Amino acid sequence: MEVSTIIAQIDAQILKLQQARALLAGAAAPTRPGPGRPKGAGKAVSKRKRQLSPEGRKRIADAMKKRWAERRKQSSK
């Protein structure tokens, strides 16, 4: 039997023993959290859709009309 095979088997046995010890001690196996937000973090956000008031909608429409007029002036020059 090769030395590298024996070392690999010993490492595997050590890992199993460490996991068994952690379970007996009451600690979970050490896990590393993955990237990104934790599960369930985004569920607290409300699902309500925003609505513009008629005044707000008119303000935006007037601003866009003014912007389009300015662009037409620039393109005609």
PDB file of N, CA and C in Angstrom:
ATOM      1  N   MET A   1       0.842  -1.178   0.000  1.00  0.00           N
ATOM      2  CA  MET A   1       0.000   0.000   0.000  1.00  0.00           C
ATOM      3  C   MET A   1       0.888   1.243   0.000  1.00  0.00           C
ATOM      4  N   GLU A   2       0.485   2.242  -0.778  1.00  0.00           N
ATOM      5  CA  GLU A   2       1.279   3.456  -0.876  1.00  0.00           C
ATOM      6  C   GLU A   2       1.062   4.356   0.331  1.00  0.00           C
ATOM      7  N   VAL A   3       2.059   5.154   0.621  1.00  0.00           N
ATOM      8  CA  VAL A   3       2.002   6.056   1.775  1.00  0.00           C
ATOM      9  C   VAL A   3       0.908   7.106   1.569  1.00  0.00           C
ATOM     10  N   SER A   4       0.763   7.621   0.353  1.00  0.00           N
ATOM     11  CA  SER A   4      -0.253   8.655   0.101  1.00  0.00           C
ATOM     12  C   SER A   4      -1.664   8.112   0.312  1.00  0.00           C
ATOM     13  N   THR A   5      -1.892   6.852  -0.009  1.00  0.00           N
ATOM     14  CA  THR A   5      -3.201   6.228   0.220  1.00  0.00           C
ATOM     15  C   THR A   5      -3.482   6.090   1.701  1.00  0.00           C
ATOM     16  N   ILE A   6      -2.477   5.697   2.458  1.00  0.00           N
ATOM     17  CA  ILE A   6      -2.629   5.547   3.919  1.00  0.00           C
ATOM     18  C   ILE A   6      -2.931   6.910   4.549  1.00  0.00           C
ATOM     19  N   ILE A   7      -2.215   7.949   4.113  1.00  0.00           N
ATOM     20  CA  ILE A   7      -2.443   9.292   4.656  1.00  0.00           C
ATOM     21  C   ILE A   7      -3.853   9.772   4.334  1.00  0.00           C
ATOM     22  N   ALA A   8      -4.328   9.503   3.124  1.00  0.00           N
ATOM     23  CA  ALA A   8      -5.681   9.912   2.740  1.00  0.00           C
ATOM     24  C   ALA A   8      -6.728   9.209   3.591  1.00  0.00           C
ATOM     25  N   GLN A   9      -6.521   7.924   3.884  1.00  0.00           N
ATOM     26  CA  GLN A   9      -7.464   7.180   4.722  1.00  0.00           C
ATOM     27  C   GLN A   9      -7.445   7.697   6.154  1.00  0.00           C
ATOM     28  N   ILE A  10      -6.258   8.032   6.669  1.00  0.00           N
ATOM     29  CA  ILE A  10      -6.153   8.564   8.038  1.00  0.00           C
ATOM     30  C   ILE A  10      -6.869   9.916   8.115  1.00  0.00           C
ATOM     31  N   ASP A  11      -6.670  10.779   7.090  1.00  0.00           N
ATOM     32  CA  ASP A  11      -7.340  12.081   7.070  1.00  0.00           C
ATOM     33  C   ASP A  11      -8.860  11.923   7.035  1.00  0.00           C
ATOM     34  N   ALA A  12      -9.344  10.968   6.264  1.00  0.00           N
ATOM     35  CA  ALA A  12     -10.783  10.723   6.192  1.00  0.00           C
ATOM     36  C   ALA A  12     -11.319  10.264   7.544  1.00  0.00           C
ATOM     37  N   GLN A  13     -10.561   9.405   8.220  1.00  0.00           N
ATOM     38  CA  GLN A  13     -10.989   8.910   9.540  1.00  0.00           C
ATOM     39  C   GLN A  13     -10.974  10.041  10.569  1.00  0.00           C
ATOM     40  N   ILE A  14      -9.966  10.909  10.503  1.00  0.00           N
ATOM     41  CA  ILE A  14      -9.894  12.052  11.421  1.00  0.00           C
ATOM     42  C   ILE A  14     -11.098  12.965  11.222  1.00  0.00           C
ATOM     43  N   LEU A  15     -11.460  13.210   9.971  1.00  0.00           N
ATOM     44  CA  LEU A  15     -12.619  14.054   9.678  1.00  0.00           C
ATOM     45  C   LEU A  15     -13.897  13.444  10.246  1.00  0.00           C
ATOM     46  N   LYS A  16     -14.075  12.148  10.076  1.00  0.00           N
ATOM     47  CA  LYS A  16     -15.264  11.477  10.624  1.00  0.00           C
ATOM     48  C   LYS A  16     -15.299  11.591  12.140  1.00  0.00           C
ATOM     49  N   LEU A  17     -14.148  11.399  12.789  1.00  0.00           N
ATOM     50  CA  LEU A  17     -14.089  11.491  14.253  1.00  0.00           C
ATOM     51  C   LEU A  17     -14.381  12.913  14.732  1.00  0.00           C
ATOM     52  N   GLN A  18     -13.885  13.924  14.015  1.00  0.00           N
ATOM     53  CA  GLN A  18     -14.159  15.308  14.396  1.00  0.00           C
ATOM     54  C   GLN A  18     -15.645  15.627  14.265  1.00  0.00           C
ATOM     55  N   GLN A  19     -16.282  15.120  13.230  1.00  0.00           N
ATOM     56  CA  GLN A  19     -17.720  15.348  13.059  1.00  0.00           C
ATOM     57  C   GLN A  19     -18.511  14.650  14.157  1.00  0.00           C
ATOM     58  N   ALA A  20     -18.117  13.447  14.509  1.00  0.00           N
ATOM     59  CA  ALA A  20     -18.806  12.720  15.578  1.00  0.00           C
ATOM     60  C   ALA A  20     -18.627  13.436  16.910  1.00  0.00           C
ATOM     61  N   ARG A  21     -17.435  13.968  17.154  1.00  0.00           N
ATOM     62  CA  ARG A  21     -17.171  14.692  18.404  1.00  0.00           C
ATOM     63  C   ARG A  21     -18.036  15.951  18.469  1.00  0.00           C
ATOM     64  N   ALA A  22     -18.159  16.655  17.345  1.00  0.00           N
ATOM     65  CA  ALA A  22     -18.968  17.870  17.317  1.00  0.00           C
ATOM     66  C   ALA A  22     -20.436  17.548  17.596  1.00  0.00           C
ATOM     67  N   LEU A  23     -20.923  16.451  17.044  1.00  0.00           N
ATOM     68  CA  LEU A  23     -22.316  16.065  17.299  1.00  0.00           C
ATOM     69  C   LEU A  23     -22.530  15.698  18.761  1.00  0.00           C
ATOM     70  N   LEU A  24     -21.574  14.997  19.335  1.00  0.00           N
ATOM     71  CA  LEU A  24     -21.699  14.612  20.738  1.00  0.00           C
ATOM     72  C   LEU A  24     -21.585  15.814  21.665  1.00  0.00           C
ATOM     73  N   ALA A  25     -20.806  16.794  21.285  1.00  0.00           N
ATOM     74  CA  ALA A  25     -20.635  17.984  22.113  1.00  0.00           C
ATOM     75  C   ALA A  25     -21.828  18.934  21.983  1.00  0.00           C
ATOM     76  N   GLY A  26     -22.714  18.673  21.043  1.00  0.00           N
ATOM     77  CA  GLY A  26     -23.910  19.499  20.882  1.00  0.00           C
ATOM     78  C   GLY A  26     -23.725  20.631  19.891  1.00  0.00           C
ATOM     79  N   ALA A  27     -22.590  20.702  19.278  1.00  0.00           N
ATOM     80  CA  ALA A  27     -22.360  21.745  18.282  1.00  0.00           C
ATOM     81  C   ALA A  27     -22.606  21.174  16.899  1.00  0.00           C
ATOM     82  N   ALA A  28     -23.160  21.987  16.035  1.00  0.00           N
ATOM     83  CA  ALA A  28     -23.375  21.546  14.659  1.00  0.00           C
ATOM     84  C   ALA A  28     -22.036  21.545  13.933  1.00  0.00           C
ATOM     85  N   ALA A  29     -21.981  20.826  12.852  1.00  0.00           N
ATOM     86  CA  ALA A  29     -20.767  20.801  12.048  1.00  0.00           C
ATOM     87  C   ALA A  29     -20.494  22.204  11.540  1.00  0.00           C
ATOM     88  N   PRO A  30     -19.252  22.630  11.548  1.00  0.00           N
ATOM     89  CA  PRO A  30     -18.970  23.997  11.132  1.00  0.00           C
ATOM     90  C   PRO A  30     -19.325  24.213   9.664  1.00  0.00           C
ATOM     91  N   THR A  31     -20.189  25.182   9.442  1.00  0.00           N
ATOM     92  CA  THR A  31     -20.588  25.506   8.075  1.00  0.00           C
ATOM     93  C   THR A  31     -20.298  26.973   7.835  1.00  0.00           C
ATOM     94  N   ARG A  32     -19.984  27.282   6.637  1.00  0.00           N
ATOM     95  CA  ARG A  32     -19.688  28.650   6.256  1.00  0.00           C
ATOM     96  C   ARG A  32     -20.856  29.179   5.447  1.00  0.00           C
ATOM     97  N   PRO A  33     -21.390  30.344   5.806  1.00  0.00           N
ATOM     98  CA  PRO A  33     -22.510  30.876   5.027  1.00  0.00           C
ATOM     99  C   PRO A  33     -22.069  31.239   3.622  1.00  0.00           C
ATOM    100  N   GLY A  34     -22.986  31.080   2.690  1.00  0.00           N
ATOM    101  CA  GLY A  34     -22.683  31.383   1.301  1.00  0.00           C
ATOM    102  C   GLY A  34     -22.769  32.872   1.028  1.00  0.00           C
ATOM    103  N   PRO A  35     -22.450  33.278  -0.169  1.00  0.00           N
ATOM    104  CA  PRO A  35     -22.523  34.697  -0.507  1.00  0.00           C
ATOM    105  C   PRO A  35     -23.962  35.154  -0.650  1.00  0.00           C
ATOM    106  N   GLY A  36     -24.176  36.427  -0.504  1.00  0.00           N
ATOM    107  CA  GLY A  36     -25.507  36.991  -0.707  1.00  0.00           C
ATOM    108  C   GLY A  36     -26.279  37.135   0.584  1.00  0.00           C
ATOM    109  N   ARG A  37     -27.541  37.500   0.430  1.00  0.00           N
ATOM    110  CA  ARG A  37     -28.408  37.697   1.592  1.00  0.00           C
ATOM    111  C   ARG A  37     -28.793  36.369   2.212  1.00  0.00           C
ATOM    112  N   PRO A  38     -29.029  36.347   3.513  1.00  0.00           N
ATOM    113  CA  PRO A  38     -29.513  35.117   4.139  1.00  0.00           C
ATOM    114  C   PRO A  38     -30.924  34.790   3.663  1.00  0.00           C
ATOM    115  N   LYS A  39     -31.279  33.534   3.718  1.00  0.00           N
ATOM    116  CA  LYS A  39     -32.609  33.119   3.287  1.00  0.00           C
ATOM    117  C   LYS A  39     -33.663  33.790   4.154  1.00  0.00           C
ATOM    118  N   GLY A  40     -34.718  34.252   3.525  1.00  0.00           N
ATOM    119  CA  GLY A  40     -35.824  34.866   4.254  1.00  0.00           C
ATOM    120  C   GLY A  40     -35.607  36.328   4.581  1.00  0.00           C
ATOM    121  N   ALA A  41     -34.484  36.910   4.191  1.00  0.00           N
ATOM    122  CA  ALA A  41     -34.213  38.302   4.541  1.00  0.00           C
ATOM    123  C   ALA A  41     -35.110  39.259   3.765  1.00  0.00           C
ATOM    124  N   GLY A  42     -35.519  38.914   2.566  1.00  0.00           N
ATOM    125  CA  GLY A  42     -36.307  39.817   1.746  1.00  0.00           C
ATOM    126  C   GLY A  42     -37.799  39.678   1.941  1.00  0.00           C
ATOM    127  N   LYS A  43     -38.242  38.790   2.793  1.00  0.00           N
ATOM    128  CA  LYS A  43     -39.675  38.550   2.950  1.00  0.00           C
ATOM    129  C   LYS A  43     -40.362  39.618   3.777  1.00  0.00           C
ATOM    130  N   ALA A  44     -39.593  40.459   4.488  1.00  0.00           N
ATOM    131  CA  ALA A  44     -40.202  41.488   5.324  1.00  0.00           C
ATOM    132  C   ALA A  44     -40.653  42.691   4.508  1.00  0.00           C
ATOM    133  N   VAL A  45     -40.246  42.763   3.244  1.00  0.00           N
ATOM    134  CA  VAL A  45     -40.611  43.888   2.394  1.00  0.00           C
ATOM    135  C   VAL A  45     -42.087  43.775   2.008  1.00  0.00           C
ATOM    136  N   SER A  46     -42.777  44.903   2.076  1.00  0.00           N
ATOM    137  CA  SER A  46     -44.198  44.869   1.732  1.00  0.00           C
ATOM    138  C   SER A  46     -44.361  44.724   0.226  1.00  0.00           C
ATOM    139  N   LYS A  47     -45.428  44.103  -0.188  1.00  0.00           N
ATOM    140  CA  LYS A  47     -45.698  43.848  -1.600  1.00  0.00           C
ATOM    141  C   LYS A  47     -46.563  44.947  -2.209  1.00  0.00           C
ATOM    142  N   ARG A  48     -46.877  46.005  -1.438  1.00  0.00           N
ATOM    143  CA  ARG A  48     -47.755  47.063  -1.919  1.00  0.00           C
ATOM    144  C   ARG A  48     -47.069  47.868  -3.014  1.00  0.00           C
ATOM    145  N   LYS A  49     -47.799  48.146  -4.064  1.00  0.00           N
ATOM    146  CA  LYS A  49     -47.277  48.887  -5.190  1.00  0.00           C
ATOM    147  C   LYS A  49     -47.421  50.382  -4.930  1.00  0.00           C
ATOM    148  N   ARG A  50     -46.426  51.151  -5.328  1.00  0.00           N
ATOM    149  CA  ARG A  50     -46.510  52.599  -5.170  1.00  0.00           C
ATOM    150  C   ARG A  50     -47.424  53.193  -6.231  1.00  0.00           C
ATOM    151  N   GLN A  51     -48.100  54.255  -5.852  1.00  0.00           N
ATOM    152  CA  GLN A  51     -48.989  54.915  -6.804  1.00  0.00           C
ATOM    153  C   GLN A  51     -48.694  56.404  -6.800  1.00  0.00           C
ATOM    154  N   LEU A  52     -48.686  56.978  -7.993  1.00  0.00           N
ATOM    155  CA  LEU A  52     -48.490  58.418  -8.117  1.00  0.00           C
ATOM    156  C   LEU A  52     -49.826  59.126  -7.964  1.00  0.00           C
ATOM    157  N   SER A  53     -49.749  60.271  -7.329  1.00  0.00           N
ATOM    158  CA  SER A  53     -50.955  61.095  -7.259  1.00  0.00           C
ATOM    159  C   SER A  53     -51.140  61.768  -8.618  1.00  0.00           C
ATOM    160  N   PRO A  54     -52.343  62.220  -8.921  1.00  0.00           N
ATOM    161  CA  PRO A  54     -52.558  62.916 -10.198  1.00  0.00           C
ATOM    162  C   PRO A  54     -51.659  64.150 -10.341  1.00  0.00           C
ATOM    163  N   GLU A  55     -51.410  64.865  -9.231  1.00  0.00           N
ATOM    164  CA  GLU A  55     -50.538  66.035  -9.280  1.00  0.00           C
ATOM    165  C   GLU A  55     -49.106  65.627  -9.629  1.00  0.00           C
ATOM    166  N   GLY A  56     -48.640  64.547  -9.025  1.00  0.00           N
ATOM    167  CA  GLY A  56     -47.291  64.061  -9.313  1.00  0.00           C
ATOM    168  C   GLY A  56     -47.147  63.606 -10.750  1.00  0.00           C
ATOM    169  N   ARG A  57     -48.165  62.940 -11.250  1.00  0.00           N
ATOM    170  CA  ARG A  57     -48.151  62.487 -12.641  1.00  0.00           C
ATOM    171  C   ARG A  57     -48.112  63.681 -13.601  1.00  0.00           C
ATOM    172  N   LYS A  58     -48.886  64.733 -13.287  1.00  0.00           N
ATOM    173  CA  LYS A  58     -48.909  65.933 -14.129  1.00  0.00           C
ATOM    174  C   LYS A  58     -47.555  66.632 -14.091  1.00  0.00           C
ATOM    175  N   ARG A  59     -46.927  66.697 -12.916  1.00  0.00           N
ATOM    176  CA  ARG A  59     -45.616  67.317 -12.800  1.00  0.00           C
ATOM    177  C   ARG A  59     -44.587  66.617 -13.685  1.00  0.00           C
ATOM    178  N   ILE A  60     -44.608  65.291 -13.648  1.00  0.00           N
ATOM    179  CA  ILE A  60     -43.675  64.506 -14.460  1.00  0.00           C
ATOM    180  C   ILE A  60     -43.958  64.709 -15.946  1.00  0.00           C
ATOM    181  N   ALA A  61     -45.224  64.704 -16.325  1.00  0.00           N
ATOM    182  CA  ALA A  61     -45.592  64.887 -17.729  1.00  0.00           C
ATOM    183  C   ALA A  61     -45.147  66.264 -18.227  1.00  0.00           C
ATOM    184  N   ASP A  62     -45.348  67.295 -17.415  1.00  0.00           N
ATOM    185  CA  ASP A  62     -44.932  68.644 -17.814  1.00  0.00           C
ATOM    186  C   ASP A  62     -43.419  68.731 -17.956  1.00  0.00           C
ATOM    187  N   ALA A  63     -42.694  68.114 -17.047  1.00  0.00           N
ATOM    188  CA  ALA A  63     -41.230  68.131 -17.112  1.00  0.00           C
ATOM    189  C   ALA A  63     -40.738  67.413 -18.368  1.00  0.00           C
ATOM    190  N   MET A  64     -41.369  66.300 -18.721  1.00  0.00           N
ATOM    191  CA  MET A  64     -40.952  65.562 -19.917  1.00  0.00           C
ATOM    192  C   MET A  64     -41.266  66.357 -21.191  1.00  0.00           C
ATOM    193  N   LYS A  65     -42.424  67.018 -21.221  1.00  0.00           N
ATOM    194  CA  LYS A  65     -42.769  67.832 -22.381  1.00  0.00           C
ATOM    195  C   LYS A  65     -41.765  68.964 -22.559  1.00  0.00           C
ATOM    196  N   LYS A  66     -41.354  69.574 -21.439  1.00  0.00           N
ATOM    197  CA  LYS A  66     -40.363  70.642 -21.490  1.00  0.00           C
ATOM    198  C   LYS A  66     -39.033  70.091 -22.008  1.00  0.00           C
ATOM    199  N   ARG A  67     -38.649  68.916 -21.546  1.00  0.00           N
ATOM    200  CA  ARG A  67     -37.391  68.297 -21.975  1.00  0.00           C
ATOM    201  C   ARG A  67     -37.428  67.980 -23.471  1.00  0.00           C
ATOM    202  N   TRP A  68     -38.537  67.421 -23.943  1.00  0.00           N
ATOM    203  CA  TRP A  68     -38.667  67.086 -25.369  1.00  0.00           C
ATOM    204  C   TRP A  68     -38.619  68.348 -26.225  1.00  0.00           C
ATOM    205  N   ALA A  69     -39.259  69.420 -25.751  1.00  0.00           N
ATOM    206  CA  ALA A  69     -39.237  70.698 -26.491  1.00  0.00           C
ATOM    207  C   ALA A  69     -37.809  71.220 -26.612  1.00  0.00           C
ATOM    208  N   GLU A  70     -37.050  71.135 -25.529  1.00  0.00           N
ATOM    209  CA  GLU A  70     -35.655  71.594 -25.564  1.00  0.00           C
ATOM    210  C   GLU A  70     -34.829  70.751 -26.531  1.00  0.00           C
ATOM    211  N   ARG A  71     -35.062  69.462 -26.565  1.00  0.00           N
ATOM    212  CA  ARG A  71     -34.312  68.599 -27.477  1.00  0.00           C
ATOM    213  C   ARG A  71     -34.683  68.903 -28.933  1.00  0.00           C
ATOM    214  N   ARG A  72     -35.959  69.210 -29.193  1.00  0.00           N
ATOM    215  CA  ARG A  72     -36.373  69.554 -30.551  1.00  0.00           C
ATOM    216  C   ARG A  72     -35.705  70.851 -30.996  1.00  0.00           C
ATOM    217  N   LYS A  73     -35.583  71.815 -30.079  1.00  0.00           N
ATOM    218  CA  LYS A  73     -34.925  73.073 -30.388  1.00  0.00           C
ATOM    219  C   LYS A  73     -33.451  72.828 -30.749  1.00  0.00           C
ATOM    220  N   GLN A  74     -32.794  71.984 -29.968  1.00  0.00           N
ATOM    221  CA  GLN A  74     -31.371  71.711 -30.201  1.00  0.00           C
ATOM    222  C   GLN A  74     -31.157  70.970 -31.513  1.00  0.00           C
ATOM    223  N   SER A  75     -32.039  70.038 -31.842  1.00  0.00           N
ATOM    224  CA  SER A  75     -31.854  69.257 -33.062  1.00  0.00           C
ATOM    225  C   SER A  75     -32.165  70.068 -34.327  1.00  0.00           C
ATOM    226  N   SER A  76     -33.008  71.101 -34.200  1.00  0.00           N
ATOM    227  CA  SER A  76     -33.343  71.901 -35.370  1.00  0.00           C
ATOM    228  C   SER A  76     -32.241  72.899 -35.712  1.00  0.00           C
ATOM    229  N   LYS A  77     -31.361  73.200 -34.765  1.00  0.00           N
ATOM    230  CA  LYS A  77     -30.280  74.170 -35.010  1.00  0.00           C
ATOM    231  C   LYS A  77     -29.180  73.599 -35.822  1.00  0.00           C
TER     232      LYS A  77
END
